[in-house]
PDB file of N, CA and C in Angstrom:
ATOM      1  N   UNK A   1      80.350 101.795 102.459  1.00  0.00           N
ATOM      2  CA  UNK A   1      81.798 101.846 102.274  1.00  0.00           C
ATOM      3  C   UNK A   1      82.470 101.729 103.630  1.00  0.00           C
ATOM      4  N   UNK A   2      83.506 100.924 103.697  1.00  0.00           N
ATOM      5  CA  UNK A   2      84.261 100.699 104.927  1.00  0.00           C
ATOM      6  C   UNK A   2      85.286 101.821 105.100  1.00  0.00           C
ATOM      7  N   UNK A   3      85.366 102.377 106.302  1.00  0.00           N
ATOM      8  CA  UNK A   3      86.393 103.374 106.597  1.00  0.00           C
ATOM      9  C   UNK A   3      87.723 102.641 106.759  1.00  0.00           C
ATOM     10  N   UNK A   4      88.737 103.067 106.011  1.00  0.00           N
ATOM     11  CA  UNK A   4      90.039 102.396 106.043  1.00  0.00           C
ATOM     12  C   UNK A   4      91.126 103.365 106.488  1.00  0.00           C
ATOM     13  N   UNK A   5      92.246 102.807 106.925  1.00  0.00           N
ATOM     14  CA  UNK A   5      93.374 103.611 107.394  1.00  0.00           C
ATOM     15  C   UNK A   5      94.087 104.309 106.239  1.00  0.00           C
ATOM     16  N   UNK A   6      94.083 103.673 105.069  1.00  0.00           N
ATOM     17  CA  UNK A   6      94.708 104.244 103.877  1.00  0.00           C
ATOM     18  C   UNK A   6      93.634 104.617 102.869  1.00  0.00           C
ATOM     19  N   UNK A   7      93.875 105.682 102.130  1.00  0.00           N
ATOM     20  CA  UNK A   7      92.958 106.045 101.055  1.00  0.00           C
ATOM     21  C   UNK A   7      93.265 105.190  99.829  1.00  0.00           C
ATOM     22  N   UNK A   8      92.337 105.145  98.898  1.00  0.00           N
ATOM     23  CA  UNK A   8      92.550 104.392  97.664  1.00  0.00           C
ATOM     24  C   UNK A   8      93.724 104.987  96.886  1.00  0.00           C
ATOM     25  N   UNK A   9      93.866 106.301  96.907  1.00  0.00           N
ATOM     26  CA  UNK A   9      94.986 106.940  96.212  1.00  0.00           C
ATOM     27  C   UNK A   9      96.321 106.494  96.801  1.00  0.00           C
ATOM     28  N   UNK A  10      96.404 106.412  98.137  1.00  0.00           N
ATOM     29  CA  UNK A  10      97.625 105.926  98.783  1.00  0.00           C
ATOM     30  C   UNK A  10      97.884 104.469  98.405  1.00  0.00           C
ATOM     31  N   UNK A  11      96.838 103.663  98.410  1.00  0.00           N
ATOM     32  CA  UNK A  11      96.978 102.249  98.078  1.00  0.00           C
ATOM     33  C   UNK A  11      97.459 102.065  96.641  1.00  0.00           C
ATOM     34  N   UNK A  12      96.991 102.882  95.732  1.00  0.00           N
ATOM     35  CA  UNK A  12      97.421 102.787  94.334  1.00  0.00           C
ATOM     36  C   UNK A  12      98.908 103.104  94.213  1.00  0.00           C
ATOM     37  N   UNK A  13      99.378 104.107  94.926  1.00  0.00           N
ATOM     38  CA  UNK A  13     100.810 104.447  94.900  1.00  0.00           C
ATOM     39  C   UNK A  13     101.643 103.322  95.505  1.00  0.00           C
ATOM     40  N   UNK A  14     101.160 102.709  96.576  1.00  0.00           N
ATOM     41  CA  UNK A  14     101.861 101.580  97.199  1.00  0.00           C
ATOM     42  C   UNK A  14     101.857 100.386  96.246  1.00  0.00           C
ATOM     43  N   UNK A  15     100.738 100.158  95.567  1.00  0.00           N
ATOM     44  CA  UNK A  15     100.646  99.071  94.581  1.00  0.00           C
ATOM     45  C   UNK A  15     101.681  99.268  93.476  1.00  0.00           C
ATOM     46  N   UNK A  16     101.806 100.476  92.968  1.00  0.00           N
ATOM     47  CA  UNK A  16     102.781 100.757  91.905  1.00  0.00           C
ATOM     48  C   UNK A  16     104.207 100.496  92.394  1.00  0.00           C
ATOM     49  N   UNK A  17     104.507 100.904  93.630  1.00  0.00           N
ATOM     50  CA  UNK A  17     105.836 100.670  94.197  1.00  0.00           C
ATOM     51  C   UNK A  17     106.092  99.174  94.362  1.00  0.00           C
ATOM     52  N   UNK A  18     105.089  98.431  94.818  1.00  0.00           N
ATOM     53  CA  UNK A  18     105.217  96.974  94.972  1.00  0.00           C
ATOM     54  C   UNK A  18     105.491  96.338  93.621  1.00  0.00           C
ATOM     55  N   UNK A  19     104.753  96.740  92.606  1.00  0.00           N
ATOM     56  CA  UNK A  19     104.946  96.188  91.265  1.00  0.00           C
ATOM     57  C   UNK A  19     106.344  96.495  90.746  1.00  0.00           C
ATOM     58  N   UNK A  20     106.846  97.707  90.963  1.00  0.00           N
ATOM     59  CA  UNK A  20     108.198  98.050  90.527  1.00  0.00           C
ATOM     60  C   UNK A  20     109.226  97.169  91.224  1.00  0.00           C
ATOM     61  N   UNK A  21     108.986  96.863  92.489  1.00  0.00           N
ATOM     62  CA  UNK A  21     109.949  96.094  93.271  1.00  0.00           C
ATOM     63  C   UNK A  21     109.877  94.595  93.008  1.00  0.00           C
ATOM     64  N   UNK A  22     108.677  94.037  92.821  1.00  0.00           N
ATOM     65  CA  UNK A  22     108.515  92.584  92.742  1.00  0.00           C
ATOM     66  C   UNK A  22     108.086  92.045  91.381  1.00  0.00           C
ATOM     67  N   UNK A  23     107.392  92.824  90.581  1.00  0.00           N
ATOM     68  CA  UNK A  23     106.923  92.321  89.280  1.00  0.00           C
ATOM     69  C   UNK A  23     108.101  92.149  88.330  1.00  0.00           C
ATOM     70  N   UNK A  24     107.967  91.225  87.424  1.00  0.00           N
ATOM     71  CA  UNK A  24     109.025  90.989  86.455  1.00  0.00           C
ATOM     72  C   UNK A  24     110.059  89.994  86.929  1.00  0.00           C
ATOM     73  N   UNK A  25     109.935  89.511  88.163  1.00  0.00           N
ATOM     74  CA  UNK A  25     110.861  88.510  88.675  1.00  0.00           C
ATOM     75  C   UNK A  25     110.304  87.104  88.496  1.00  0.00           C
ATOM     76  N   UNK A  26     109.152  86.989  87.843  1.00  0.00           N
ATOM     77  CA  UNK A  26     108.583  85.692  87.541  1.00  0.00           C
ATOM     78  C   UNK A  26     107.652  85.135  88.598  1.00  0.00           C
ATOM     79  N   UNK A  27     107.705  85.654  89.816  1.00  0.00           N
ATOM     80  CA  UNK A  27     106.866  85.068  90.860  1.00  0.00           C
ATOM     81  C   UNK A  27     105.507  85.742  90.982  1.00  0.00           C
ATOM     82  N   UNK A  28     105.408  87.006  90.650  1.00  0.00           N
ATOM     83  CA  UNK A  28     104.158  87.750  90.793  1.00  0.00           C
ATOM     84  C   UNK A  28     103.415  87.747  89.464  1.00  0.00           C
ATOM     85  N   UNK A  29     102.185  87.213  89.481  1.00  0.00           N
ATOM     86  CA  UNK A  29     101.354  87.200  88.282  1.00  0.00           C
ATOM     87  C   UNK A  29     100.505  88.456  88.175  1.00  0.00           C
ATOM     88  N   UNK A  30      99.962  88.907  89.323  1.00  0.00           N
ATOM     89  CA  UNK A  30      99.142  90.114  89.317  1.00  0.00           C
ATOM     90  C   UNK A  30      99.115  90.723  90.715  1.00  0.00           C
ATOM     91  N   UNK A  31      98.803  92.015  90.751  1.00  0.00           N
ATOM     92  CA  UNK A  31      98.684  92.746  92.018  1.00  0.00           C
ATOM     93  C   UNK A  31      97.428  93.595  91.951  1.00  0.00           C
ATOM     94  N   UNK A  32      96.557  93.432  92.938  1.00  0.00           N
ATOM     95  CA  UNK A  32      95.336  94.219  93.015  1.00  0.00           C
ATOM     96  C   UNK A  32      95.188  94.823  94.400  1.00  0.00           C
ATOM     97  N   UNK A  33      94.103  95.514  94.603  1.00  0.00           N
ATOM     98  CA  UNK A  33      93.818  96.150  95.892  1.00  0.00           C
ATOM     99  C   UNK A  33      92.481  95.640  96.394  1.00  0.00           C
ATOM    100  N   UNK A  34      92.458  95.230  97.645  1.00  0.00           N
ATOM    101  CA  UNK A  34      91.229  94.762  98.280  1.00  0.00           C
ATOM    102  C   UNK A  34      91.282  95.104  99.758  1.00  0.00           C
ATOM    103  N   UNK A  35      90.483  94.424 100.554  1.00  0.00           N
ATOM    104  CA  UNK A  35      90.490  94.636 101.999  1.00  0.00           C
ATOM    105  C   UNK A  35      91.392  93.610 102.671  1.00  0.00           C
ATOM    106  N   UNK A  36      91.958  94.010 103.807  1.00  0.00           N
ATOM    107  CA  UNK A  36      92.774  93.076 104.587  1.00  0.00           C
ATOM    108  C   UNK A  36      91.873  92.110 105.333  1.00  0.00           C
ATOM    109  N   UNK A  37      92.478  91.158 106.035  1.00  0.00           N
ATOM    110  CA  UNK A  37      91.721  90.140 106.756  1.00  0.00           C
ATOM    111  C   UNK A  37      90.822  90.689 107.833  1.00  0.00           C
ATOM    112  N   UNK A  38      91.225  91.782 108.465  1.00  0.00           N
ATOM    113  CA  UNK A  38      90.416  92.408 109.517  1.00  0.00           C
ATOM    114  C   UNK A  38      89.324  93.308 108.953  1.00  0.00           C
ATOM    115  N   UNK A  39      89.402  93.564 107.659  1.00  0.00           N
ATOM    116  CA  UNK A  39      88.452  94.425 106.951  1.00  0.00           C
ATOM    117  C   UNK A  39      88.415  95.843 107.508  1.00  0.00           C
ATOM    118  N   UNK A  40      89.595  96.309 108.006  1.00  0.00           N
ATOM    119  CA  UNK A  40      89.658  97.679 108.504  1.00  0.00           C
ATOM    120  C   UNK A  40      90.643  98.539 107.721  1.00  0.00           C
ATOM    121  N   UNK A  41      91.254  97.960 106.692  1.00  0.00           N
ATOM    122  CA  UNK A  41      92.189  98.704 105.862  1.00  0.00           C
ATOM    123  C   UNK A  41      92.292  98.025 104.504  1.00  0.00           C
ATOM    124  N   UNK A  42      92.870  98.742 103.569  1.00  0.00           N
ATOM    125  CA  UNK A  42      93.117  98.179 102.255  1.00  0.00           C
ATOM    126  C   UNK A  42      94.326  97.263 102.321  1.00  0.00           C
ATOM    127  N   UNK A  43      94.448  96.369 101.355  1.00  0.00           N
ATOM    128  CA  UNK A  43      95.553  95.426 101.288  1.00  0.00           C
ATOM    129  C   UNK A  43      95.924  95.211  99.828  1.00  0.00           C
ATOM    130  N   UNK A  44      97.154  94.753  99.618  1.00  0.00           N
ATOM    131  CA  UNK A  44      97.582  94.344  98.287  1.00  0.00           C
ATOM    132  C   UNK A  44      97.242  92.878  98.113  1.00  0.00           C
ATOM    133  N   UNK A  45      96.502  92.552  97.082  1.00  0.00           N
ATOM    134  CA  UNK A  45      96.170  91.166  96.763  1.00  0.00           C
ATOM    135  C   UNK A  45      97.093  90.714  95.635  1.00  0.00           C
ATOM    136  N   UNK A  46      97.956  89.761  95.950  1.00  0.00           N
ATOM    137  CA  UNK A  46      98.995  89.327  95.019  1.00  0.00           C
ATOM    138  C   UNK A  46      98.718  87.882  94.612  1.00  0.00           C
ATOM    139  N   UNK A  47      98.748  87.613  93.321  1.00  0.00           N
ATOM    140  CA  UNK A  47      98.569  86.254  92.809  1.00  0.00           C
ATOM    141  C   UNK A  47      99.913  85.712  92.347  1.00  0.00           C
ATOM    142  N   UNK A  48     100.210  84.480  92.788  1.00  0.00           N
ATOM    143  CA  UNK A  48     101.411  83.762  92.371  1.00  0.00           C
ATOM    144  C   UNK A  48     100.987  82.386  91.882  1.00  0.00           C
ATOM    145  N   UNK A  49     101.856  81.713  91.133  1.00  0.00           N
ATOM    146  CA  UNK A  49     101.467  80.417  90.583  1.00  0.00           C
ATOM    147  C   UNK A  49     101.765  79.249  91.517  1.00  0.00           C
ATOM    148  N   UNK A  50     102.788  79.367  92.395  1.00  0.00           N
ATOM    149  CA  UNK A  50     103.163  78.251  93.270  1.00  0.00           C
ATOM    150  C   UNK A  50     103.393  78.731  94.703  1.00  0.00           C
ATOM    151  N   UNK A  51     103.152  77.880  95.687  1.00  0.00           N
ATOM    152  CA  UNK A  51     103.358  78.258  97.092  1.00  0.00           C
ATOM    153  C   UNK A  51     104.786  78.717  97.380  1.00  0.00           C
ATOM    154  N   UNK A  52     105.770  78.120  96.745  1.00  0.00           N
ATOM    155  CA  UNK A  52     107.174  78.493  96.964  1.00  0.00           C
ATOM    156  C   UNK A  52     107.405  79.962  96.633  1.00  0.00           C
ATOM    157  N   UNK A  53     106.725  80.470  95.626  1.00  0.00           N
ATOM    158  CA  UNK A  53     106.883  81.867  95.220  1.00  0.00           C
ATOM    159  C   UNK A  53     106.339  82.826  96.266  1.00  0.00           C
ATOM    160  N   UNK A  54     105.353  82.395  97.017  1.00  0.00           N
ATOM    161  CA  UNK A  54     104.772  83.241  98.063  1.00  0.00           C
ATOM    162  C   UNK A  54     105.755  83.461  99.211  1.00  0.00           C
ATOM    163  N   UNK A  55     106.672  82.526  99.422  1.00  0.00           N
ATOM    164  CA  UNK A  55     107.636  82.639 100.514  1.00  0.00           C
ATOM    165  C   UNK A  55     108.571  83.827 100.354  1.00  0.00           C
ATOM    166  N   UNK A  56     108.783  84.278  99.131  1.00  0.00           N
ATOM    167  CA  UNK A  56     109.700  85.386  98.862  1.00  0.00           C
ATOM    168  C   UNK A  56     109.043  86.760  99.003  1.00  0.00           C
ATOM    169  N   UNK A  57     107.765  86.796  99.281  1.00  0.00           N
ATOM    170  CA  UNK A  57     107.046  88.067  99.359  1.00  0.00           C
ATOM    171  C   UNK A  57     106.872  88.496 100.815  1.00  0.00           C
ATOM    172  N   UNK A  58     106.868  89.808 101.051  1.00  0.00           N
ATOM    173  CA  UNK A  58     106.693  90.292 102.428  1.00  0.00           C
ATOM    174  C   UNK A  58     105.252  90.131 102.902  1.00  0.00           C
ATOM    175  N   UNK A  59     105.061  90.144 104.205  1.00  0.00           N
ATOM    176  CA  UNK A  59     103.711  90.074 104.802  1.00  0.00           C
ATOM    177  C   UNK A  59     103.015  91.432 104.724  1.00  0.00           C
ATOM    178  N   UNK A  60     103.813  92.499 104.668  1.00  0.00           N
ATOM    179  CA  UNK A  60     103.276  93.841 104.479  1.00  0.00           C
ATOM    180  C   UNK A  60     104.267  94.641 103.645  1.00  0.00           C
ATOM    181  N   UNK A  61     103.763  95.690 103.016  1.00  0.00           N
ATOM    182  CA  UNK A  61     104.589  96.536 102.156  1.00  0.00           C
ATOM    183  C   UNK A  61     104.116  97.969 102.289  1.00  0.00           C
ATOM    184  N   UNK A  62     104.992  98.843 102.736  1.00  0.00           N
ATOM    185  CA  UNK A  62     104.677 100.272 102.915  1.00  0.00           C
ATOM    186  C   UNK A  62     103.379 100.502 103.692  1.00  0.00           C
ATOM    187  N   UNK A  63     103.137  99.662 104.692  1.00  0.00           N
ATOM    188  CA  UNK A  63     101.981  99.860 105.563  1.00  0.00           C
ATOM    189  C   UNK A  63     100.731  99.093 105.172  1.00  0.00           C
ATOM    190  N   UNK A  64     100.732  98.451 104.008  1.00  0.00           N
ATOM    191  CA  UNK A  64      99.576  97.648 103.601  1.00  0.00           C
ATOM    192  C   UNK A  64      99.902  96.171 103.763  1.00  0.00           C
ATOM    193  N   UNK A  65      98.924  95.414 104.246  1.00  0.00           N
ATOM    194  CA  UNK A  65      99.066  93.961 104.337  1.00  0.00           C
ATOM    195  C   UNK A  65      99.133  93.385 102.926  1.00  0.00           C
ATOM    196  N   UNK A  66      99.956  92.355 102.758  1.00  0.00           N
ATOM    197  CA  UNK A  66     100.061  91.655 101.482  1.00  0.00           C
ATOM    198  C   UNK A  66      99.326  90.323 101.628  1.00  0.00           C
ATOM    199  N   UNK A  67      98.253  90.163 100.870  1.00  0.00           N
ATOM    200  CA  UNK A  67      97.455  88.939 100.875  1.00  0.00           C
ATOM    201  C   UNK A  67      97.813  88.176  99.605  1.00  0.00           C
ATOM    202  N   UNK A  68      98.368  86.972  99.780  1.00  0.00           N
ATOM    203  CA  UNK A  68      98.852  86.200  98.633  1.00  0.00           C
ATOM    204  C   UNK A  68      97.885  85.055  98.329  1.00  0.00           C
ATOM    205  N   UNK A  69      97.533  84.929  97.063  1.00  0.00           N
ATOM    206  CA  UNK A  69      96.705  83.829  96.570  1.00  0.00           C
ATOM    207  C   UNK A  69      97.535  82.999  95.593  1.00  0.00           C
ATOM    208  N   UNK A  70      97.608  81.698  95.828  1.00  0.00           N
ATOM    209  CA  UNK A  70      98.288  80.788  94.911  1.00  0.00           C
ATOM    210  C   UNK A  70      97.238  80.308  93.930  1.00  0.00           C
ATOM    211  N   UNK A  71      97.405  80.682  92.668  1.00  0.00           N
ATOM    212  CA  UNK A  71      96.367  80.432  91.664  1.00  0.00           C
ATOM    213  C   UNK A  71      96.755  79.378  90.638  1.00  0.00           C
ATOM    214  N   UNK A  72      97.986  78.889  90.691  1.00  0.00           N
ATOM    215  CA  UNK A  72      98.433  77.908  89.700  1.00  0.00           C
ATOM    216  C   UNK A  72      98.859  78.593  88.412  1.00  0.00           C
ATOM    217  N   UNK A  73      99.152  77.788  87.432  1.00  0.00           N
ATOM    218  CA  UNK A  73      99.598  78.310  86.133  1.00  0.00           C
ATOM    219  C   UNK A  73      98.433  78.964  85.406  1.00  0.00           C
ATOM    220  N   UNK A  74      98.720  80.053  84.740  1.00  0.00           N
ATOM    221  CA  UNK A  74      97.711  80.753  83.951  1.00  0.00           C
ATOM    222  C   UNK A  74      98.054  80.545  82.486  1.00  0.00           C
ATOM    223  N   UNK A  75      97.090  80.024  81.726  1.00  0.00           N
ATOM    224  CA  UNK A  75      97.306  79.748  80.303  1.00  0.00           C
ATOM    225  C   UNK A  75      96.219  80.421  79.475  1.00  0.00           C
ATOM    226  N   UNK A  76      96.604  80.883  78.321  1.00  0.00           N
ATOM    227  CA  UNK A  76      95.627  81.427  77.373  1.00  0.00           C
ATOM    228  C   UNK A  76      95.016  80.270  76.596  1.00  0.00           C
ATOM    229  N   UNK A  77      93.720  80.336  76.368  1.00  0.00           N
ATOM    230  CA  UNK A  77      93.043  79.290  75.601  1.00  0.00           C
ATOM    231  C   UNK A  77      92.542  79.849  74.301  1.00  0.00           C
TER     232      UNK A  77
END
Protein backbone atom coordinates (compact mmCIF):
# COMPACT_ATOMS: atom_id res chain seq x y z
CA UNK A 1 0.00 0.00 0.00
CA UNK A 2 1.27 3.45 -0.94
CA UNK A 3 1.48 6.05 1.84
CA UNK A 4 -0.63 9.03 0.73
CA UNK A 5 -1.14 12.57 1.99
CA UNK A 6 -4.91 12.07 2.25
CA UNK A 7 -6.73 9.15 3.81
CA UNK A 8 -9.35 7.24 1.85
CA UNK A 9 -12.02 8.64 4.19
CA UNK A 10 -10.91 12.20 3.37
CA UNK A 11 -10.87 11.40 -0.34
CA UNK A 12 -14.42 10.01 -0.18
CA UNK A 13 -15.68 13.22 1.45
CA UNK A 14 -13.88 15.30 -1.20
CA UNK A 15 -15.36 13.06 -3.93
CA UNK A 16 -18.88 13.64 -2.56
CA UNK A 17 -18.30 17.42 -2.49
CA UNK A 18 -16.97 17.33 -6.08
CA UNK A 19 -20.02 15.37 -7.21
CA UNK A 20 -22.38 17.84 -5.50
CA UNK A 21 -20.61 20.73 -7.22
CA UNK A 22 -20.06 19.30 -10.74
CA UNK A 23 -22.32 16.28 -11.30
CA UNK A 24 -25.66 16.83 -12.94
CA UNK A 25 -24.34 19.56 -15.24
CA UNK A 26 -23.99 17.09 -18.10
CA UNK A 27 -20.21 17.16 -18.36
CA UNK A 28 -19.25 14.67 -15.64
CA UNK A 29 -20.08 11.03 -16.37
CA UNK A 30 -18.41 9.49 -13.32
CA UNK A 31 -16.08 10.29 -10.43
CA UNK A 32 -13.77 7.77 -8.79
CA UNK A 33 -10.72 7.74 -6.55
CA UNK A 34 -7.27 6.62 -7.65
CA UNK A 35 -3.65 7.72 -7.40
CA UNK A 36 -2.31 11.00 -8.75
CA UNK A 37 0.37 11.17 -11.44
CA UNK A 38 3.19 11.26 -8.88
CA UNK A 39 1.68 8.26 -7.08
CA UNK A 40 2.16 9.97 -3.72
CA UNK A 41 -1.45 10.93 -3.01
CA UNK A 42 -5.00 10.07 -3.90
CA UNK A 43 -6.73 11.83 -6.79
CA UNK A 44 -10.22 12.23 -8.20
CA UNK A 45 -10.58 10.35 -11.48
CA UNK A 46 -13.27 12.07 -13.54
CA UNK A 47 -14.71 10.73 -16.81
CA UNK A 48 -16.19 13.10 -19.39
CA UNK A 49 -17.47 12.39 -22.89
CA UNK A 50 -15.70 15.21 -24.83
CA UNK A 51 -12.44 17.18 -24.45
CA UNK A 52 -14.38 20.48 -24.32
CA UNK A 53 -16.09 19.31 -21.12
CA UNK A 54 -12.74 18.76 -19.43
CA UNK A 55 -11.88 22.45 -19.86
CA UNK A 56 -14.57 23.42 -17.33
CA UNK A 57 -13.14 21.25 -14.56
CA UNK A 58 -10.49 22.32 -12.04
CA UNK A 59 -6.98 20.82 -11.96
CA UNK A 60 -7.42 20.18 -8.23
CA UNK A 61 -10.34 20.18 -5.80
CA UNK A 62 -10.07 20.51 -2.01
CA UNK A 63 -6.44 19.40 -2.11
CA UNK A 64 -6.81 16.41 -4.45
CA UNK A 65 -5.58 16.40 -8.03
CA UNK A 66 -8.33 15.99 -10.62
CA UNK A 67 -7.37 13.48 -13.33
CA UNK A 68 -9.73 13.73 -16.30
CA UNK A 69 -10.30 10.92 -18.81
CA UNK A 70 -12.21 11.62 -22.03
CA UNK A 71 -14.12 8.40 -22.66
CA UNK A 72 -16.57 9.37 -25.41
CA UNK A 73 -20.28 8.70 -25.38
CA UNK A 74 -21.54 5.95 -23.12
CA UNK A 75 -24.45 3.90 -24.46
CA UNK A 76 -26.39 0.99 -23.04
CA UNK A 77 -26.52 -2.07 -25.28
